[in-house]
C-alpha cells in the first residue's frame, strides 16, 4: 500500500525484505503475534547511533510525506492481519 501511495505523490520508494540479522528489533516485533501490524520505514543516514548522526532534511521530509500518504490511503476495508 505504501508504494502505491508514494507513486501517486511522486515519491521514490525501494521495497526490501529485512532479515532478522539487520540492525533493528523489528524482526522480534514481527514474530510476536499479539502485537499490532507493524512496518519498518527507514531513510538514508550516516553515522547511525553516534553523536554526529546526520540525515538529509529532504529525505526526512519525503519520509514524512510517505507516511502521510499511507495514512490517508487506509480505508475501513483494509486488513492488516498478521499471517504467515
N, C-alpha and C. Protein backbone atom coordinates (compact mmCIF):
# COMPACT_ATOMS: atom_id res chain seq x y z
N UNK A 1 0.81 -1.19 0.00
CA UNK A 1 0.00 0.00 0.00
C UNK A 1 0.86 1.26 0.00
N UNK A 2 1.90 1.28 0.79
CA UNK A 2 2.76 2.46 0.83
C UNK A 2 3.37 2.78 -0.53
N UNK A 3 3.87 1.77 -1.30
CA UNK A 3 4.42 2.12 -2.61
C UNK A 3 3.40 2.75 -3.54
N UNK A 4 2.17 2.26 -3.53
CA UNK A 4 1.14 2.85 -4.38
C UNK A 4 0.86 4.29 -3.96
N UNK A 5 0.78 4.52 -2.66
CA UNK A 5 0.56 5.87 -2.15
C UNK A 5 1.72 6.77 -2.54
N UNK A 6 2.92 6.24 -2.48
CA UNK A 6 4.11 7.02 -2.81
C UNK A 6 4.13 7.37 -4.29
N UNK A 7 3.83 6.41 -5.14
CA UNK A 7 3.84 6.65 -6.58
C UNK A 7 2.85 7.74 -6.97
N UNK A 8 1.67 7.71 -6.35
CA UNK A 8 0.66 8.71 -6.65
C UNK A 8 1.15 10.11 -6.30
N UNK A 9 2.06 10.21 -5.33
CA UNK A 9 2.57 11.52 -4.93
C UNK A 9 3.95 11.83 -5.51
N UNK A 10 4.44 10.94 -6.38
CA UNK A 10 5.73 11.18 -6.99
C UNK A 10 6.91 10.93 -6.06
N UNK A 11 6.72 10.10 -5.04
CA UNK A 11 7.80 9.78 -4.10
C UNK A 11 8.50 8.50 -4.55
N UNK A 12 9.80 8.43 -4.35
CA UNK A 12 10.60 7.26 -4.73
C UNK A 12 10.71 6.32 -3.54
N UNK A 13 10.35 5.04 -3.75
CA UNK A 13 10.37 4.06 -2.67
C UNK A 13 11.09 2.81 -3.15
N UNK A 14 11.91 2.24 -2.29
CA UNK A 14 12.54 0.95 -2.54
C UNK A 14 11.99 -0.01 -1.51
N UNK A 15 11.40 -1.12 -1.97
CA UNK A 15 10.90 -2.13 -1.05
C UNK A 15 12.00 -3.16 -0.83
N UNK A 16 12.14 -3.59 0.40
CA UNK A 16 13.15 -4.60 0.72
C UNK A 16 12.62 -5.53 1.79
N UNK A 17 13.12 -6.73 1.78
CA UNK A 17 12.80 -7.67 2.85
C UNK A 17 13.92 -7.56 3.87
N UNK A 18 13.55 -7.24 5.08
CA UNK A 18 14.53 -7.04 6.13
C UNK A 18 14.72 -8.34 6.90
N UNK A 19 15.91 -8.85 6.89
CA UNK A 19 16.20 -10.08 7.62
C UNK A 19 16.37 -9.80 9.10
N UNK A 20 16.23 -10.83 9.89
CA UNK A 20 16.36 -10.65 11.34
C UNK A 20 17.77 -10.27 11.77
N UNK A 21 18.73 -10.38 10.86
CA UNK A 21 20.10 -10.01 11.19
C UNK A 21 20.35 -8.52 11.00
N UNK A 22 19.36 -7.80 10.52
CA UNK A 22 19.51 -6.36 10.32
C UNK A 22 19.59 -5.65 11.66
N UNK A 23 20.04 -4.43 11.61
CA UNK A 23 20.22 -3.63 12.84
C UNK A 23 18.90 -3.02 13.30
N UNK A 24 17.96 -3.86 13.65
CA UNK A 24 16.66 -3.39 14.10
C UNK A 24 16.00 -4.49 14.92
N UNK A 25 15.15 -4.09 15.85
CA UNK A 25 14.39 -5.05 16.64
C UNK A 25 13.09 -5.42 15.94
N UNK A 26 12.91 -4.95 14.73
CA UNK A 26 11.66 -5.17 14.02
C UNK A 26 11.35 -6.65 13.83
N UNK A 27 12.37 -7.47 13.59
CA UNK A 27 12.15 -8.90 13.41
C UNK A 27 11.51 -9.53 14.64
N UNK A 28 11.90 -9.09 15.81
CA UNK A 28 11.32 -9.60 17.06
C UNK A 28 9.86 -9.18 17.16
N UNK A 29 9.57 -7.95 16.83
CA UNK A 29 8.19 -7.45 16.87
C UNK A 29 7.32 -8.26 15.91
N UNK A 30 7.86 -8.56 14.74
CA UNK A 30 7.08 -9.31 13.74
C UNK A 30 6.76 -10.71 14.23
N UNK A 31 7.66 -11.33 14.98
CA UNK A 31 7.45 -12.70 15.46
C UNK A 31 6.39 -12.79 16.55
N UNK A 32 6.13 -11.71 17.26
CA UNK A 32 5.18 -11.73 18.36
C UNK A 32 3.79 -11.47 17.78
N UNK A 33 2.98 -12.48 17.73
CA UNK A 33 1.70 -12.37 17.02
C UNK A 33 0.68 -11.48 17.72
N UNK A 34 0.86 -11.19 18.98
CA UNK A 34 -0.11 -10.36 19.69
C UNK A 34 0.09 -8.87 19.40
N UNK A 35 1.20 -8.51 18.81
CA UNK A 35 1.47 -7.10 18.55
C UNK A 35 0.64 -6.62 17.37
N UNK A 36 0.36 -5.35 17.31
CA UNK A 36 -0.41 -4.83 16.18
C UNK A 36 0.43 -4.90 14.91
N UNK A 37 -0.22 -4.89 13.75
CA UNK A 37 0.52 -4.87 12.49
C UNK A 37 1.54 -3.73 12.49
N UNK A 38 2.71 -3.99 11.96
CA UNK A 38 3.80 -3.02 12.01
C UNK A 38 4.53 -2.98 10.68
N UNK A 39 5.21 -1.89 10.44
CA UNK A 39 6.07 -1.75 9.26
C UNK A 39 7.30 -0.96 9.66
N UNK A 40 8.38 -1.24 9.01
CA UNK A 40 9.62 -0.51 9.26
C UNK A 40 9.86 0.42 8.09
N UNK A 41 9.99 1.69 8.38
CA UNK A 41 10.29 2.69 7.36
C UNK A 41 11.61 3.33 7.74
N UNK A 42 12.53 3.35 6.81
CA UNK A 42 13.82 3.95 7.11
C UNK A 42 14.22 4.89 5.97
N UNK A 43 15.16 5.75 6.26
CA UNK A 43 15.69 6.65 5.25
C UNK A 43 17.21 6.69 5.40
N UNK A 44 17.90 7.08 4.33
CA UNK A 44 19.36 7.04 4.37
C UNK A 44 19.92 8.05 5.38
N UNK A 45 20.90 7.59 6.14
CA UNK A 45 21.59 8.49 7.05
C UNK A 45 23.02 8.02 7.24
N UNK A 46 23.81 8.83 7.88
CA UNK A 46 25.21 8.49 8.11
C UNK A 46 25.50 8.50 9.60
N UNK A 47 26.44 7.67 9.98
CA UNK A 47 26.96 7.62 11.35
C UNK A 47 25.87 7.33 12.38
N UNK A 48 25.04 6.31 12.07
CA UNK A 48 23.94 5.93 12.95
C UNK A 48 24.42 5.65 14.37
N UNK A 49 23.65 6.06 15.34
CA UNK A 49 23.90 5.84 16.77
C UNK A 49 25.18 6.50 17.26
N UNK A 50 25.56 7.59 16.62
CA UNK A 50 26.71 8.34 17.10
C UNK A 50 26.28 9.79 17.35
N UNK A 51 27.14 10.54 17.99
CA UNK A 51 26.79 11.93 18.30
C UNK A 51 26.76 12.81 17.06
N UNK A 52 27.29 12.30 15.95
CA UNK A 52 27.29 13.08 14.71
C UNK A 52 26.37 12.48 13.64
N UNK A 53 25.39 11.67 14.08
CA UNK A 53 24.44 11.08 13.14
C UNK A 53 23.79 12.19 12.34
N UNK A 54 23.67 11.98 11.01
CA UNK A 54 23.08 13.02 10.18
C UNK A 54 22.26 12.43 9.05
N UNK A 55 21.28 13.20 8.62
CA UNK A 55 20.43 12.81 7.50
C UNK A 55 20.14 14.05 6.68
N UNK A 56 19.86 13.84 5.43
CA UNK A 56 19.48 14.95 4.56
C UNK A 56 18.04 15.34 4.90
N UNK A 57 17.81 16.59 5.16
CA UNK A 57 16.49 17.07 5.56
C UNK A 57 15.44 16.71 4.50
N UNK A 58 15.83 16.70 3.23
CA UNK A 58 14.87 16.33 2.17
C UNK A 58 14.41 14.89 2.32
N UNK A 59 15.32 13.99 2.72
CA UNK A 59 14.92 12.60 2.95
C UNK A 59 13.94 12.49 4.11
N UNK A 60 14.19 13.25 5.16
CA UNK A 60 13.28 13.24 6.31
C UNK A 60 11.91 13.76 5.89
N UNK A 61 11.88 14.85 5.14
CA UNK A 61 10.60 15.43 4.69
C UNK A 61 9.85 14.46 3.78
N UNK A 62 10.55 13.79 2.87
CA UNK A 62 9.91 12.84 1.97
C UNK A 62 9.39 11.62 2.74
N UNK A 63 10.09 11.22 3.79
CA UNK A 63 9.62 10.12 4.63
C UNK A 63 8.31 10.50 5.32
N UNK A 64 8.25 11.72 5.80
CA UNK A 64 7.01 12.21 6.42
C UNK A 64 5.88 12.22 5.40
N UNK A 65 6.17 12.65 4.16
CA UNK A 65 5.15 12.64 3.11
C UNK A 65 4.68 11.22 2.82
N UNK A 66 5.62 10.26 2.81
CA UNK A 66 5.26 8.86 2.56
C UNK A 66 4.32 8.33 3.63
N UNK A 67 4.65 8.59 4.89
CA UNK A 67 3.80 8.13 5.99
C UNK A 67 2.42 8.78 5.90
N UNK A 68 2.38 10.08 5.62
CA UNK A 68 1.10 10.78 5.50
C UNK A 68 0.28 10.19 4.34
N UNK A 69 0.92 9.91 3.21
CA UNK A 69 0.21 9.34 2.06
C UNK A 69 -0.37 7.98 2.41
N UNK A 70 0.40 7.17 3.13
CA UNK A 70 -0.10 5.86 3.53
C UNK A 70 -1.31 5.99 4.46
N UNK A 71 -1.18 6.84 5.46
CA UNK A 71 -2.27 7.01 6.43
C UNK A 71 -3.54 7.48 5.72
N UNK A 72 -3.39 8.40 4.78
CA UNK A 72 -4.55 8.91 4.05
C UNK A 72 -5.16 7.85 3.13
N UNK A 73 -4.38 6.84 2.74
CA UNK A 73 -4.89 5.83 1.82
C UNK A 73 -5.63 4.69 2.54
N UNK A 74 -5.50 4.58 3.84
CA UNK A 74 -6.12 3.49 4.59
C UNK A 74 -7.64 3.68 4.63
N UNK A 75 -8.34 2.57 4.35
CA UNK A 75 -9.79 2.59 4.41
C UNK A 75 -10.28 1.58 5.44
N UNK A 76 -11.55 1.61 5.74
CA UNK A 76 -12.14 0.67 6.69
C UNK A 76 -12.04 -0.77 6.20
N UNK A 77 -11.93 -0.97 4.90
CA UNK A 77 -11.88 -2.31 4.32
C UNK A 77 -10.48 -2.93 4.36
N UNK A 78 -9.46 -2.15 4.66
CA UNK A 78 -8.09 -2.66 4.69
C UNK A 78 -7.92 -3.64 5.85
N UNK A 79 -7.22 -4.72 5.56
CA UNK A 79 -6.99 -5.77 6.56
C UNK A 79 -5.48 -5.91 6.77
N UNK A 80 -5.04 -5.62 7.96
CA UNK A 80 -3.61 -5.69 8.28
C UNK A 80 -3.30 -6.87 9.19
N UNK A 81 -4.12 -7.90 9.12
CA UNK A 81 -3.91 -9.06 9.99
C UNK A 81 -2.57 -9.71 9.68
N UNK A 82 -1.94 -10.21 10.71
CA UNK A 82 -0.63 -10.86 10.61
C UNK A 82 -0.83 -12.31 10.20
N UNK A 83 -0.36 -12.66 9.01
CA UNK A 83 -0.48 -14.03 8.51
C UNK A 83 0.88 -14.49 8.02
N UNK A 84 1.24 -15.69 8.40
CA UNK A 84 2.50 -16.27 7.92
C UNK A 84 2.23 -17.31 6.87
